[in-house]
C-alpha cells in the first residue's frame, strides 16, 4: 500500500525519517548502453521524476498485480522520444492481463501518437539487451504467474531481484546460489499467505549464500533504522532512491 498508509497514525507512518517513506516496489537496471525498468507501478510518475529518469529501453514485468502494473499509462513519457515501439517483456499470463487492462495500447487500430506504443514480448527463457543477460526466476506468489529476474553483465555483480514471493522453488534457488546481490521480499513479521515474512526472507538469504541482500516490499510495520540494527551484517533495508553499484 506504500508508506505512509492512508488513514494510519502509527509511528512509522508519522515518521519524518525519509527512509520510512516507501513507494511501491520497482527498480531500474542500467548496464552498458541499456536502461531497463522493472514493473510500472502506481507510483511510477513520482519515482521517475525523483530519479530524473528520461528514457528507458524496455520494461520487464514480474507479475500482473496492480501495485506492479497500475502505472502503465505513465509509460507514454518514454514513448514520446521514440520512433519505435517500447519493448514490454512479461510471462504469457501477465501479458494477457496487460492486454485485457490496456487493450487500447495493444490494438493496432487504436494507435494514437504520443500514447504508449508497446512491443509485446512473452518471456519464455533468458533474453539479452546487449551483453546484459536477464534470466526469469519463477516463484510462487498468490494465484498469478510470478517471476523475479537474475541480471548478469560481464565484469559486474550478479544481481537477483525477487520482489514478491512466498515459495522459491528448488530450480530457482539453484539459479541464485551465491549471487553477489539478492533483493528479496520481506513484507512483515506475521505470516502472510502470499509473501515472505522477515524470517522467511532471512532464511532464503542464508540458503542462497548471497554475499549481500536487500529487503524490499516492506509494510509500515518496519522502521528502517530499527530493522537494520537487528538483521545480519550482510542484509540491509532497501529505501526509495537506493542505488547499488556493481
Protein backbone atom coordinates (compact mmCIF):
# COMPACT_ATOMS: atom_id res chain seq x y z
CA UNK A 1 0.00 0.00 0.00
CA UNK A 2 3.01 2.28 0.28
CA UNK A 3 4.14 4.10 3.42
CA UNK A 4 2.65 6.17 4.97
CA UNK A 5 -0.55 4.17 4.71
CA UNK A 6 -3.78 6.08 4.10
CA UNK A 7 -5.57 6.67 7.42
CA UNK A 8 -2.79 5.25 9.62
CA UNK A 9 -1.25 7.10 12.57
CA UNK A 10 1.41 4.57 13.59
CA UNK A 11 4.94 5.75 14.41
CA UNK A 12 6.36 4.69 11.06
CA UNK A 13 3.60 6.39 9.08
CA UNK A 14 4.12 9.58 11.10
CA UNK A 15 7.92 9.33 10.93
CA UNK A 16 9.95 12.18 9.43
CA UNK A 17 12.72 9.76 8.50
CA UNK A 18 12.98 9.79 4.67
CA UNK A 19 13.86 6.08 4.57
CA UNK A 20 10.45 5.30 6.10
CA UNK A 21 8.67 6.84 3.09
CA UNK A 22 8.03 3.95 0.69
CA UNK A 23 6.59 3.97 -2.80
CA UNK A 24 5.51 0.68 -4.37
CA UNK A 25 8.42 -1.60 -5.33
CA UNK A 26 10.24 -1.10 -8.62
CA UNK A 27 13.83 -0.86 -9.86
CA UNK A 28 15.77 0.43 -12.84
CA UNK A 29 18.70 -1.62 -14.10
CA UNK A 30 21.45 0.12 -16.08
CA UNK A 31 24.02 -1.99 -17.89
CA UNK A 32 26.18 -0.83 -20.77
CA UNK A 33 24.06 1.36 -23.03
CA UNK A 34 20.73 -0.04 -21.83
CA UNK A 35 18.26 1.11 -19.17
CA UNK A 36 15.63 -1.44 -18.14
CA UNK A 37 12.60 -0.69 -15.94
CA UNK A 38 11.22 -3.49 -13.77
CA UNK A 39 7.43 -3.06 -13.36
CA UNK A 40 5.30 0.06 -13.85
CA UNK A 41 3.57 0.52 -10.52
CA UNK A 42 1.14 3.26 -9.47
CA UNK A 43 3.98 5.48 -8.19
CA UNK A 44 5.97 5.40 -11.44
CA UNK A 45 5.47 9.08 -12.25
CA UNK A 46 6.88 10.33 -8.95
CA UNK A 47 9.66 7.74 -8.94
CA UNK A 48 10.76 8.75 -12.44
CA UNK A 49 10.68 12.45 -11.57
CA UNK A 50 12.66 11.86 -8.38
CA UNK A 51 15.35 9.91 -10.20
CA UNK A 52 15.47 12.08 -13.32
CA UNK A 53 14.53 9.08 -15.44
CA UNK A 54 14.03 10.31 -19.00
CA UNK A 55 14.50 7.27 -21.21
CA UNK A 56 14.14 3.51 -20.90
CA UNK A 57 14.87 0.80 -23.45
CA UNK A 58 12.38 -1.78 -22.16
CA UNK A 59 10.01 -2.71 -19.34
CA UNK A 60 10.11 -6.17 -17.78
CA UNK A 61 7.27 -7.33 -15.55
CA UNK A 62 7.34 -9.60 -12.51
CA UNK A 63 3.57 -10.19 -12.44
CA UNK A 64 0.21 -8.54 -13.03
CA UNK A 65 -0.84 -7.36 -9.56
CA UNK A 66 -1.94 -3.73 -9.55
CA UNK A 67 0.92 -2.48 -7.40
CA UNK A 68 3.24 -3.56 -10.25
CA UNK A 69 1.27 -2.59 -13.36
CA UNK A 70 -1.13 0.27 -12.48
CA UNK A 71 1.29 2.96 -13.71
CA UNK A 72 1.19 1.57 -17.24
CA UNK A 73 -0.14 4.80 -18.77
CA UNK A 74 2.86 6.71 -17.39
CA UNK A 75 4.97 4.79 -19.92
CA UNK A 76 3.76 7.28 -22.53
CA UNK A 77 6.52 9.62 -21.31
CA UNK A 78 9.08 7.07 -22.52
CA UNK A 79 7.40 6.68 -25.92
CA UNK A 80 7.33 10.36 -26.94
CA UNK A 81 11.01 10.38 -27.84
CA UNK A 82 10.98 7.03 -29.64
CA UNK A 83 10.05 6.24 -33.21
CA UNK A 84 9.93 2.52 -32.48
CA UNK A 85 7.55 0.80 -30.00
CA UNK A 86 8.65 0.23 -26.40
CA UNK A 87 9.52 -3.43 -25.69
CA UNK A 88 7.44 -4.92 -22.87
CA UNK A 89 8.55 -8.31 -21.55
CA UNK A 90 6.19 -10.43 -19.43
CA UNK A 91 5.12 -14.01 -18.90
CA UNK A 92 2.25 -15.21 -21.06
CA UNK A 93 -0.24 -14.84 -18.20
CA UNK A 94 0.95 -11.37 -17.25
CA UNK A 95 0.91 -10.22 -20.87
CA UNK A 96 -2.68 -11.45 -21.26
CA UNK A 97 -3.71 -9.39 -18.24
CA UNK A 98 -1.93 -6.30 -19.56
CA UNK A 99 -3.73 -6.67 -22.89
CA UNK A 100 -7.07 -7.02 -21.08
CA UNK A 101 -6.42 -3.98 -18.89
CA UNK A 102 -4.87 -1.73 -21.51
CA UNK A 103 -6.32 -3.03 -24.76
CA UNK A 104 -6.25 0.45 -26.31
CA UNK A 105 -2.44 0.37 -26.22
CA UNK A 106 -2.03 -3.06 -27.78
CA UNK A 107 -4.62 -2.71 -30.55
CA UNK A 108 -3.15 -1.57 -33.93
CA UNK A 109 -6.47 0.09 -34.72
CA UNK A 110 -6.25 2.22 -31.58
CA UNK A 111 -2.78 3.65 -32.23
CA UNK A 112 -2.57 7.29 -31.14
CA UNK A 113 0.70 9.25 -31.46
CA UNK A 114 2.07 10.23 -28.06
CA UNK A 115 0.49 7.36 -26.17
CA UNK A 116 2.02 4.06 -25.03
CA UNK A 117 3.17 2.00 -28.01
CA UNK A 118 4.10 -1.45 -26.70
CA UNK A 119 6.14 -4.13 -28.42
CA UNK A 120 4.81 -7.17 -26.53
CA UNK A 121 7.42 -9.89 -25.95
CA UNK A 122 6.46 -13.03 -23.99
CA UNK A 123 9.19 -14.30 -21.66
CA UNK A 124 9.98 -17.96 -22.28
CA UNK A 125 13.57 -18.09 -21.09
CA UNK A 126 16.68 -15.90 -20.73
CA UNK A 127 16.99 -12.89 -23.05
CA UNK A 128 19.59 -10.22 -23.71
CA UNK A 129 19.99 -6.48 -24.04
CA UNK A 130 23.48 -6.10 -25.41
CA UNK A 131 25.72 -8.03 -23.01
CA UNK A 132 23.13 -7.89 -20.21
CA UNK A 133 21.64 -11.34 -19.67
CA UNK A 134 18.21 -11.39 -18.00
CA UNK A 135 17.02 -14.75 -16.67
CA UNK A 136 13.46 -15.20 -15.37
CA UNK A 137 13.21 -16.64 -11.85
CA UNK A 138 9.86 -18.44 -11.39
CA UNK A 139 8.47 -18.24 -7.85
CA UNK A 140 5.19 -18.90 -6.06
CA UNK A 141 3.18 -15.79 -5.16
CA UNK A 142 -0.61 -15.88 -4.85
CA UNK A 143 -2.51 -17.37 -7.80
CA UNK A 144 -0.82 -15.32 -10.51
CA UNK A 145 2.20 -16.40 -12.52
CA UNK A 146 5.12 -14.54 -10.91
CA UNK A 147 8.81 -14.26 -11.67
CA UNK A 148 11.87 -12.50 -10.40
CA UNK A 149 14.92 -11.73 -12.51
CA UNK A 150 18.62 -12.58 -12.48
CA UNK A 151 20.80 -9.89 -14.04
CA UNK A 152 24.27 -10.82 -15.32
CA UNK A 153 26.69 -8.46 -17.04
CA UNK A 154 30.39 -9.06 -17.77
CA UNK A 155 32.60 -7.69 -15.01
CA UNK A 156 29.65 -6.64 -12.84
CA UNK A 157 27.93 -8.04 -9.77
CA UNK A 158 25.39 -10.79 -10.34
CA UNK A 159 22.06 -9.46 -9.05
CA UNK A 160 18.81 -11.33 -8.32
CA UNK A 161 15.58 -9.38 -7.85
CA UNK A 162 12.58 -11.16 -6.30
CA UNK A 163 10.09 -8.58 -5.04
CA UNK A 164 7.04 -10.81 -4.44
CA UNK A 165 7.41 -14.41 -3.25
CA UNK A 166 6.07 -17.00 -0.83
CA UNK A 167 7.99 -20.05 -2.08
CA UNK A 168 11.25 -20.19 -4.01
CA UNK A 169 11.32 -23.48 -5.96
CA UNK A 170 14.50 -25.56 -5.89
CA UNK A 171 15.17 -24.80 -9.56
CA UNK A 172 15.08 -21.07 -8.90
CA UNK A 173 17.15 -21.34 -5.73
CA UNK A 174 19.82 -23.11 -7.79
CA UNK A 175 19.95 -20.12 -10.15
CA UNK A 176 20.55 -17.60 -7.36
CA UNK A 177 23.12 -19.54 -5.33
CA UNK A 178 25.99 -17.32 -4.25
CA UNK A 179 24.76 -14.26 -6.14
CA UNK A 180 26.54 -11.05 -5.29
CA UNK A 181 23.32 -9.18 -4.53
CA UNK A 182 19.86 -10.53 -3.68
CA UNK A 183 16.90 -8.15 -3.43
CA UNK A 184 14.12 -10.02 -1.66
CA UNK A 185 10.53 -9.62 -0.44
CA UNK A 186 10.11 -9.23 3.35
CA UNK A 187 6.58 -7.94 3.76
CA UNK A 188 6.11 -8.16 7.54
CA UNK A 189 6.80 -10.32 10.63
CA UNK A 190 3.42 -12.09 10.88
CA UNK A 191 2.77 -14.93 8.44
CA UNK A 192 1.23 -13.89 5.14
CA UNK A 193 -0.34 -16.27 2.58
CA UNK A 194 1.48 -14.85 -0.45
CA UNK A 195 4.58 -13.00 0.78
CA UNK A 196 7.75 -13.81 2.69
CA UNK A 197 7.85 -12.77 6.31
CA UNK A 198 11.08 -11.25 7.61
CA UNK A 199 12.12 -14.64 8.99
CA UNK A 200 11.41 -16.37 5.68
CA UNK A 201 13.36 -13.74 3.78
CA UNK A 202 16.37 -14.12 6.07
CA UNK A 203 16.20 -17.90 5.71
CA UNK A 204 16.18 -17.55 1.92
CA UNK A 205 19.19 -15.24 2.04
CA UNK A 206 21.08 -17.77 4.14
CA UNK A 207 20.11 -20.68 1.89
CA UNK A 208 21.10 -18.81 -1.25
CA UNK A 209 24.50 -17.88 0.11
CA UNK A 210 24.10 -14.37 -1.30
CA UNK A 211 27.02 -12.13 -0.42
CA UNK A 212 24.73 -9.15 0.13
CA UNK A 213 20.95 -8.85 0.44
CA UNK A 214 18.42 -6.03 0.47
CA UNK A 215 14.93 -6.33 1.92
CA UNK A 216 12.13 -4.79 -0.14
CA UNK A 217 8.31 -4.70 -0.40
CA UNK A 218 8.14 -3.66 3.27
CA UNK A 219 4.98 -2.60 5.11
CA UNK A 220 4.67 0.17 7.68
CA UNK A 221 5.42 -2.45 10.35
CA UNK A 222 9.13 -1.78 9.87
CA UNK A 223 11.13 1.25 10.95
CA UNK A 224 14.24 1.28 8.75
CA UNK A 225 16.82 2.07 11.43
CA UNK A 226 15.32 -0.30 13.99
CA UNK A 227 15.16 -3.17 11.48
CA UNK A 228 18.67 -2.52 10.16
CA UNK A 229 20.01 -2.84 13.71
CA UNK A 230 18.68 -6.37 14.23
CA UNK A 231 19.37 -8.19 10.97
CA UNK A 232 22.62 -9.91 9.87
CA UNK A 233 25.51 -7.73 8.76
CA UNK A 234 25.21 -8.75 5.09
CA UNK A 235 21.48 -7.91 4.98
CA UNK A 236 20.18 -4.36 4.62
CA UNK A 237 16.89 -2.50 4.40
CA UNK A 238 16.22 -1.04 0.96
CA UNK A 239 14.94 2.52 0.70
CA UNK A 240 13.45 4.68 -2.01
CA UNK A 241 16.25 6.08 -4.18
CA UNK A 242 18.78 3.42 -3.17
CA UNK A 243 21.48 2.85 -5.78
CA UNK A 244 23.50 -0.35 -5.83
CA UNK A 245 26.67 -0.08 -7.88
CA UNK A 246 28.23 -3.26 -9.14
